[in-house]
Amino acid sequence: MTTLFTDIGELTTNDPALEGQPLGLLHQAAMVVQAGRIAWVGPANQAPAADAAISLGGAAVVPGFVDSHTHLVFAGDRAGEFNARMSGQPYSAGGILTTVKATRAASDGELSGNLTRLAGEMTRQGTTTFEVKSGYGLTVRDEARACRIAAQATDQVTFLGAHVLPPEFAKDPAGYIDLVTGPMLQACAGQARWIDAFCDAGAFGVDEAMAVLRAGQVAGLGGRLHAAQLGPSRAVRPAIELHVASIDHCTHLTSRDIADLADSNTVATLLPGAEFSTRQPYPPARQLLDSGVTVALATDCNPGSSFTSSMPFCLALAVREMAMTPAEALWSATAGGAAALHLDDAGRLVPGAWADFVVLEAPSFVHLAYRPGVPLVRQVYRKGELT
């Protein structure tokens, strides 16, 4: 069965072949969907016949957001920590252990229920594809169950055993890395597509993080890396040499780091919700884009440093605080996120891609940044079906 979606006032396809610009904008457009995928895109007056037709009433339509960095398997919250930060205390990575304690004590049902609730929030705000990390268990059992629970919600699961050093290994960091790269990795690899490490002050060093990424590669997992969030990092070039899909945060990059990223296929994933929540400097998005680096935007949804599930909010922050244009921010929140996950059938509305799209209560995508905080998502379609 084919369905024609017509009367689209402005359609963002992310097809650079259209109109010679990255968003591939079409006006007075239509799409045909078949078996959950885009079968045709073009001017409404040239649309082929279909079995059914749905008018979108002149609204703007954008690809579903692709959130390539989240931490949704956890228990408890850290509102007290946030309150302390907003009252003048500096942010550090140490608060993660508060969530580790709560997560270890939670039941599978509690963790799954919280994940389902947050995933629902994300969907209602236009996210149709999202990644989920483990990292709040830090034992073989708890990391394995985090990956198992995450896999119930997404096929983009990341094993993040190297999040921080758990208290029982406080005096034996080498022993913990052996655990992460051995039994823990073996227990998680079957449910995960990616492996990640937090390489920063209060977390792990460069050699430790690279050892984790190399072990993940041997196990067949793609690499990702948290780096340069809290200060400059020596991890950028070694991670690029390991062909990681993305380096995330990128708050404190050097000019050499930016040049290395520009010469690579590694995506710089920027997480402005974290800077908003921690009062840290924002990443150098303008320098990255002007240097030709592929940039993604993601929420970093987690209970400590970025407890937002809203990609529209992060997009608006990127425009206001990181000097991105509305078009650059939308591309980074859709096609950029797909690039960070090595997906070629998400984040775009072109023939063959999944029919994952968002109908806005607005005439243009620009309103996502122009009207921050306003619920502009009217409808969300995933694989051609209204969610």
Protein backbone atom coordinates (compact mmCIF):
# COMPACT_ATOMS: atom_id res chain seq x y z
CA MET A 1 0.00 0.00 0.00
CA THR A 2 1.18 3.50 -0.84
CA THR A 3 0.31 6.68 1.05
CA LEU A 4 0.66 10.18 -0.34
CA PHE A 5 1.49 12.92 2.17
CA THR A 6 0.63 16.15 0.42
CA ASP A 7 0.07 19.86 1.06
CA ILE A 8 3.51 20.22 2.69
CA GLY A 9 4.31 23.92 2.77
CA GLU A 10 8.06 23.43 3.32
CA LEU A 11 9.80 20.06 3.22
CA THR A 12 13.33 19.55 4.53
CA THR A 13 14.76 16.51 2.75
CA ASN A 14 18.49 16.85 3.63
CA ASP A 15 19.16 15.94 0.02
CA PRO A 16 21.95 18.33 -1.13
CA ALA A 17 21.14 17.55 -4.75
CA LEU A 18 17.94 19.55 -4.39
CA GLU A 19 18.28 23.30 -4.83
CA GLY A 20 22.04 23.03 -4.31
CA GLN A 21 22.05 23.38 -0.53
CA PRO A 22 22.35 20.82 2.29
CA LEU A 23 18.76 20.96 3.57
CA GLY A 24 17.32 20.21 0.14
CA LEU A 25 14.26 22.36 0.77
CA LEU A 26 11.12 21.88 -1.31
CA HIS A 27 8.04 24.10 -1.15
CA GLN A 28 4.49 22.98 -1.88
CA ALA A 29 5.80 19.44 -1.72
CA ALA A 30 4.60 15.88 -1.29
CA MET A 31 5.97 12.45 -0.33
CA VAL A 32 4.87 8.92 -1.13
CA VAL A 33 5.47 6.27 1.53
CA GLN A 34 5.46 2.53 0.92
CA ALA A 35 6.29 -0.22 3.41
CA GLY A 36 7.57 2.33 5.90
CA ARG A 37 10.05 3.96 3.52
CA ILE A 38 10.05 7.01 1.29
CA ALA A 39 9.17 5.98 -2.26
CA TRP A 40 8.95 9.40 -3.91
CA VAL A 41 9.55 13.06 -3.02
CA GLY A 42 8.79 16.10 -5.14
CA PRO A 43 6.43 18.96 -5.98
CA ALA A 44 2.85 18.28 -4.90
CA ASN A 45 1.53 19.01 -8.38
CA GLN A 46 3.70 16.22 -9.78
CA ALA A 47 2.84 13.56 -7.19
CA PRO A 48 2.02 10.08 -8.50
CA ALA A 49 -1.21 8.32 -7.64
CA ALA A 50 -1.30 6.46 -4.31
CA ASP A 51 -3.67 4.15 -2.47
CA ALA A 52 -4.36 6.75 0.22
CA ALA A 53 -3.70 10.45 0.72
CA ILE A 54 -3.12 12.55 3.83
CA SER A 55 -3.07 16.35 3.69
CA LEU A 56 -0.65 18.07 6.07
CA GLY A 57 -2.37 21.41 5.64
CA GLY A 58 0.56 23.54 4.51
CA ALA A 59 2.75 22.72 7.52
CA ALA A 60 6.53 22.46 7.51
CA VAL A 61 7.90 18.91 7.64
CA VAL A 62 11.40 17.94 8.79
CA PRO A 63 13.16 14.59 9.18
CA GLY A 64 12.79 12.98 12.57
CA PHE A 65 15.56 14.03 14.93
CA VAL A 66 18.43 11.57 15.42
CA ASP A 67 19.70 11.77 19.00
CA SER A 68 23.07 10.05 18.89
CA HIS A 69 24.10 10.48 22.56
CA THR A 70 21.86 9.60 25.53
CA HIS A 71 22.17 7.87 28.91
CA LEU A 72 18.62 6.63 29.55
CA VAL A 73 19.17 3.51 31.68
CA PHE A 74 19.40 4.85 35.21
CA ALA A 75 17.49 5.29 38.47
CA GLY A 76 17.02 8.31 40.71
CA ASP A 77 17.81 11.91 39.92
CA ARG A 78 20.43 14.49 40.85
CA ALA A 79 18.33 17.59 41.37
CA GLY A 80 20.30 18.35 44.51
CA GLU A 81 23.55 18.33 42.53
CA PHE A 82 22.02 20.64 39.93
CA ASN A 83 20.85 22.99 42.66
CA ALA A 84 24.35 23.04 44.14
CA ARG A 85 25.89 23.86 40.74
CA MET A 86 23.43 26.66 40.18
CA SER A 87 24.39 27.92 43.64
CA GLY A 88 28.06 28.16 42.72
CA GLN A 89 29.67 24.75 43.10
CA PRO A 90 31.75 23.62 40.06
CA TYR A 91 30.78 20.62 37.93
CA SER A 92 32.92 17.47 38.03
CA ALA A 93 32.45 13.89 36.84
CA GLY A 94 32.22 12.53 40.38
CA GLY A 95 28.46 12.87 40.69
CA ILE A 96 28.02 9.92 38.33
CA LEU A 97 28.60 7.55 41.25
CA THR A 98 25.40 8.83 42.88
CA THR A 99 23.48 7.50 39.90
CA VAL A 100 25.52 4.28 39.91
CA LYS A 101 24.40 3.57 43.48
CA ALA A 102 20.73 4.17 42.66
CA THR A 103 20.90 2.18 39.43
CA ARG A 104 22.49 -0.84 41.04
CA ALA A 105 19.70 -0.88 43.65
CA ALA A 106 16.88 -0.55 41.11
CA SER A 107 14.91 -3.44 39.66
CA ASP A 108 14.84 -4.26 35.96
CA GLY A 109 11.24 -3.05 35.89
CA GLU A 110 12.16 0.32 37.38
CA LEU A 111 14.98 0.84 34.89
CA SER A 112 12.85 -0.26 31.94
CA GLY A 113 9.96 1.94 33.04
CA ASN A 114 12.17 5.01 33.33
CA LEU A 115 13.68 4.34 29.90
CA THR A 116 10.20 3.98 28.39
CA ARG A 117 9.07 7.24 29.97
CA LEU A 118 12.07 9.17 28.67
CA ALA A 119 11.83 7.60 25.21
CA GLY A 120 8.21 8.72 25.10
CA GLU A 121 9.26 12.27 25.96
CA MET A 122 11.80 12.18 23.15
CA THR A 123 9.31 10.87 20.61
CA ARG A 124 6.74 13.51 21.46
CA GLN A 125 9.40 16.14 20.76
CA GLY A 126 10.24 14.73 17.35
CA THR A 127 13.04 12.23 17.98
CA THR A 128 12.58 9.10 15.88
CA THR A 129 16.03 7.49 16.25
CA PHE A 130 18.11 7.49 19.41
CA GLU A 131 21.19 5.89 20.91
CA VAL A 132 21.32 4.65 24.54
CA LYS A 133 24.45 4.03 26.61
CA SER A 134 25.03 1.81 29.60
CA GLY A 135 27.47 3.12 32.19
CA TYR A 136 25.57 3.42 35.47
CA GLY A 137 26.11 -0.15 36.63
CA LEU A 138 29.88 -0.66 36.41
CA THR A 139 29.67 -4.36 37.30
CA VAL A 140 29.45 -7.19 34.80
CA ARG A 141 25.88 -7.97 35.87
CA ASP A 142 24.65 -4.39 35.91
CA GLU A 143 26.26 -3.34 32.65
CA ALA A 144 24.90 -6.43 30.91
CA ARG A 145 21.38 -5.76 32.14
CA ALA A 146 21.66 -2.08 31.13
CA CYS A 147 22.55 -3.10 27.58
CA ARG A 148 19.76 -5.68 27.57
CA ILE A 149 17.19 -3.13 28.74
CA ALA A 150 18.45 -0.50 26.28
CA ALA A 151 18.16 -2.99 23.43
CA GLN A 152 14.42 -3.25 24.12
CA ALA A 153 14.06 0.38 23.04
CA THR A 154 16.68 0.87 20.32
CA ASP A 155 19.16 -1.00 18.16
CA GLN A 156 21.72 1.77 18.79
CA VAL A 157 23.08 0.49 22.11
CA THR A 158 26.47 1.62 23.41
CA PHE A 159 28.48 -0.23 26.05
CA LEU A 160 29.99 2.41 28.37
CA GLY A 161 31.60 0.36 31.10
CA ALA A 162 34.45 2.89 31.08
CA HIS A 163 32.28 5.70 32.41
CA VAL A 164 33.99 6.34 35.75
CA LEU A 165 35.96 4.19 38.17
CA PRO A 166 33.59 2.41 40.59
CA PRO A 167 34.39 2.71 44.32
CA GLU A 168 35.33 -0.94 44.72
CA PHE A 169 38.18 -0.38 42.21
CA ALA A 170 39.30 2.99 43.59
CA LYS A 171 42.77 1.62 44.29
CA ASP A 172 42.97 -0.65 41.25
CA PRO A 173 42.17 1.25 38.03
CA ALA A 174 44.19 -1.22 35.95
CA GLY A 175 42.11 -4.06 37.37
CA TYR A 176 38.93 -2.27 36.37
CA ILE A 177 40.13 -1.72 32.81
CA ASP A 178 40.91 -5.44 32.66
CA LEU A 179 37.34 -6.12 33.79
CA VAL A 180 35.86 -3.72 31.22
CA THR A 181 37.92 -5.12 28.33
CA GLY A 182 37.41 -8.73 29.43
CA PRO A 183 34.37 -10.23 31.19
CA MET A 184 32.26 -7.06 31.06
CA LEU A 185 32.79 -6.57 27.33
CA GLN A 186 32.04 -10.24 26.70
CA ALA A 187 28.77 -9.94 28.64
CA CYS A 188 27.66 -6.80 26.79
CA ALA A 189 28.89 -7.21 23.22
CA GLY A 190 25.92 -9.30 22.13
CA GLN A 191 23.46 -6.50 22.87
CA ALA A 192 25.60 -3.52 21.87
CA ARG A 193 26.58 -2.00 18.54
CA TRP A 194 29.06 0.51 19.98
CA ILE A 195 31.67 0.90 22.71
CA ASP A 196 32.46 4.19 24.42
CA ALA A 197 34.78 5.61 27.07
CA PHE A 198 34.76 8.80 29.12
CA CYS A 199 38.25 10.27 28.74
CA ASP A 200 38.46 13.35 30.94
CA ALA A 201 39.35 14.64 34.39
CA GLY A 202 37.75 12.43 37.02
CA ALA A 203 37.21 9.61 34.54
CA PHE A 204 39.85 7.74 32.45
CA GLY A 205 43.14 8.65 30.84
CA VAL A 206 44.02 8.46 27.17
CA ASP A 207 45.84 5.11 27.36
CA GLU A 208 42.99 3.55 29.32
CA ALA A 209 40.33 4.86 26.94
CA MET A 210 42.22 3.70 23.85
CA ALA A 211 42.66 0.24 25.38
CA VAL A 212 38.90 0.05 25.86
CA LEU A 213 38.18 1.18 22.29
CA ARG A 214 40.67 -1.29 20.82
CA ALA A 215 39.13 -4.15 22.79
CA GLY A 216 35.72 -3.14 21.52
CA GLN A 217 36.96 -3.16 17.95
CA VAL A 218 38.26 -6.69 18.39
CA ALA A 219 34.81 -7.67 19.68
CA GLY A 220 33.18 -6.17 16.57
CA LEU A 221 31.86 -2.95 18.12
CA GLY A 222 32.17 0.49 16.60
CA GLY A 223 33.93 3.17 18.63
CA ARG A 224 32.68 6.38 20.23
CA LEU A 225 34.40 8.65 22.76
CA HIS A 226 33.51 11.23 25.39
CA ALA A 227 36.41 13.72 25.32
CA ALA A 228 37.41 17.35 25.86
CA GLN A 229 34.36 18.15 27.97
CA LEU A 230 36.11 19.39 31.11
CA GLY A 231 39.41 20.50 29.60
CA PRO A 232 41.77 20.01 26.63
CA SER A 233 42.35 16.39 25.69
CA ARG A 234 45.15 14.37 24.14
CA ALA A 235 42.60 11.77 23.07
CA VAL A 236 41.29 13.34 19.88
CA ARG A 237 43.99 12.23 17.44
CA PRO A 238 44.40 8.69 18.89
CA ALA A 239 40.62 8.21 18.72
CA ILE A 240 40.52 9.42 15.11
CA GLU A 241 43.33 6.99 14.29
CA LEU A 242 41.08 4.23 15.67
CA HIS A 243 38.35 5.45 13.26
CA VAL A 244 35.79 6.17 15.96
CA ALA A 245 32.41 7.19 14.58
CA SER A 246 32.20 10.25 16.81
CA ILE A 247 33.93 12.23 19.49
CA ASP A 248 31.35 13.72 21.80
CA HIS A 249 31.32 16.95 23.85
CA CYS A 250 34.34 18.60 22.13
CA THR A 251 34.05 21.63 24.40
CA HIS A 252 37.78 22.29 24.74
CA LEU A 253 39.24 21.54 21.31
CA THR A 254 42.53 22.92 20.07
CA SER A 255 43.07 24.16 16.52
CA ARG A 256 45.05 20.95 15.90
CA ASP A 257 42.10 18.87 17.11
CA ILE A 258 39.77 20.69 14.74
CA ALA A 259 42.16 20.19 11.82
CA ASP A 260 42.44 16.48 12.63
CA LEU A 261 38.67 16.14 12.75
CA ALA A 262 38.35 17.96 9.43
CA ASP A 263 40.76 15.49 7.83
CA SER A 264 38.80 12.49 9.13
CA ASN A 265 35.43 10.79 8.85
CA THR A 266 34.85 11.19 12.59
CA VAL A 267 31.83 13.28 13.58
CA ALA A 268 32.05 15.94 16.28
CA THR A 269 28.91 15.48 18.38
CA LEU A 270 28.07 18.61 20.34
CA LEU A 271 25.91 18.48 23.46
CA PRO A 272 24.77 22.02 24.31
CA GLY A 273 22.37 20.79 26.99
CA ALA A 274 25.39 19.83 29.07
CA GLU A 275 26.91 23.28 28.81
CA PHE A 276 23.55 24.86 29.64
CA SER A 277 23.21 22.67 32.74
CA THR A 278 26.80 22.98 33.97
CA ARG A 279 27.57 26.59 32.99
CA GLN A 280 30.57 25.42 31.01
CA PRO A 281 31.76 27.18 27.84
CA TYR A 282 29.95 26.04 24.70
CA PRO A 283 31.84 24.04 22.04
CA PRO A 284 33.42 25.90 19.09
CA ALA A 285 30.71 24.93 16.59
CA ARG A 286 31.47 27.81 14.23
CA GLN A 287 35.14 26.85 13.94
CA LEU A 288 34.25 23.21 13.42
CA LEU A 289 31.76 23.96 10.66
CA ASP A 290 33.97 26.51 8.95
CA SER A 291 36.78 23.94 8.94
CA GLY A 292 34.59 21.34 7.24
CA VAL A 293 34.04 19.03 10.22
CA THR A 294 30.82 16.99 10.21
CA VAL A 295 28.84 18.11 13.26
CA ALA A 296 26.01 16.37 15.08
CA LEU A 297 23.78 17.70 17.84
CA ALA A 298 22.47 15.45 20.61
CA THR A 299 20.83 15.86 24.01
CA ASP A 300 23.23 13.90 26.26
CA CYS A 301 20.06 13.14 28.24
CA ASN A 302 21.25 11.99 31.67
CA PRO A 303 20.26 12.74 35.27
CA GLY A 304 23.39 14.70 36.15
CA SER A 305 24.77 17.08 33.56
CA SER A 306 22.01 17.37 30.93
CA PHE A 307 18.57 16.21 32.03
CA THR A 308 16.76 17.21 28.86
CA SER A 309 15.13 14.93 26.31
CA SER A 310 14.37 17.77 23.88
CA MET A 311 16.22 17.99 20.60
CA PRO A 312 14.35 21.22 19.67
CA PHE A 313 15.75 22.80 22.85
CA CYS A 314 19.28 21.72 21.95
CA LEU A 315 18.82 22.98 18.42
CA ALA A 316 17.74 26.40 19.74
CA LEU A 317 20.76 26.49 22.09
CA ALA A 318 23.06 25.69 19.18
CA VAL A 319 21.71 28.63 17.20
CA ARG A 320 21.71 31.13 20.06
CA GLU A 321 24.84 30.08 21.96
CA MET A 322 27.08 28.36 19.39
CA ALA A 323 26.65 30.63 16.35
CA MET A 324 25.11 27.91 14.19
CA THR A 325 22.56 28.97 11.60
CA PRO A 326 19.07 27.46 11.92
CA ALA A 327 19.79 25.37 8.82
CA GLU A 328 23.11 24.07 10.19
CA ALA A 329 21.51 23.20 13.51
CA LEU A 330 18.63 21.30 11.90
CA TRP A 331 21.00 19.37 9.63
CA SER A 332 23.21 18.48 12.60
CA ALA A 333 20.20 17.31 14.64
CA THR A 334 19.02 15.03 11.84
CA ALA A 335 21.52 14.02 9.14
CA GLY A 336 24.47 14.82 11.43
CA GLY A 337 23.16 12.50 14.12
CA ALA A 338 22.63 9.80 11.51
CA ALA A 339 26.24 10.23 10.35
CA ALA A 340 27.42 9.82 13.95
CA LEU A 341 25.57 6.49 14.07
CA HIS A 342 26.66 5.42 10.56
CA LEU A 343 23.03 5.33 9.38
CA ASP A 344 22.19 6.16 5.78
CA ASP A 345 18.43 5.61 6.05
CA ALA A 346 17.68 8.03 8.92
CA GLY A 347 17.84 11.79 9.21
CA ARG A 348 16.87 12.30 5.56
CA LEU A 349 13.63 12.24 3.58
CA VAL A 350 14.78 10.77 0.28
CA PRO A 351 13.72 7.65 -1.63
CA GLY A 352 14.82 4.54 0.25
CA ALA A 353 15.09 6.20 3.67
CA TRP A 354 12.74 5.39 6.52
CA ALA A 355 9.65 7.58 6.53
CA ASP A 356 10.53 9.12 9.90
CA PHE A 357 9.33 12.72 9.90
CA VAL A 358 7.94 15.51 12.04
CA VAL A 359 5.03 17.77 11.15
CA LEU A 360 5.54 21.21 12.69
CA GLU A 361 2.94 23.66 13.90
CA ALA A 362 4.84 26.25 11.89
CA PRO A 363 5.40 27.35 8.29
CA SER A 364 9.19 26.81 8.37
CA PHE A 365 11.89 24.84 10.17
CA VAL A 366 13.36 28.20 11.25
CA HIS A 367 10.65 28.42 13.91
CA LEU A 368 12.39 25.64 15.86
CA ALA A 369 15.03 28.21 16.84
CA TYR A 370 12.89 31.31 16.37
CA ARG A 371 10.32 30.15 18.95
CA PRO A 372 12.38 28.30 21.59
CA GLY A 373 10.47 26.45 24.27
CA VAL A 374 7.22 26.41 22.28
CA PRO A 375 5.75 22.94 21.53
CA LEU A 376 5.89 23.15 17.75
CA VAL A 377 5.81 19.39 17.09
CA ARG A 378 2.28 18.66 15.87
CA GLN A 379 2.73 15.05 14.72
CA VAL A 380 5.51 12.48 14.60
CA TYR A 381 5.61 9.70 12.03
CA ARG A 382 7.89 6.70 12.36
CA LYS A 383 8.19 4.37 9.38
CA GLY A 384 5.18 6.10 7.89
CA GLU A 385 2.93 5.51 10.90
CA LEU A 386 1.66 8.18 13.27
CA THR A 387 3.19 7.57 16.72
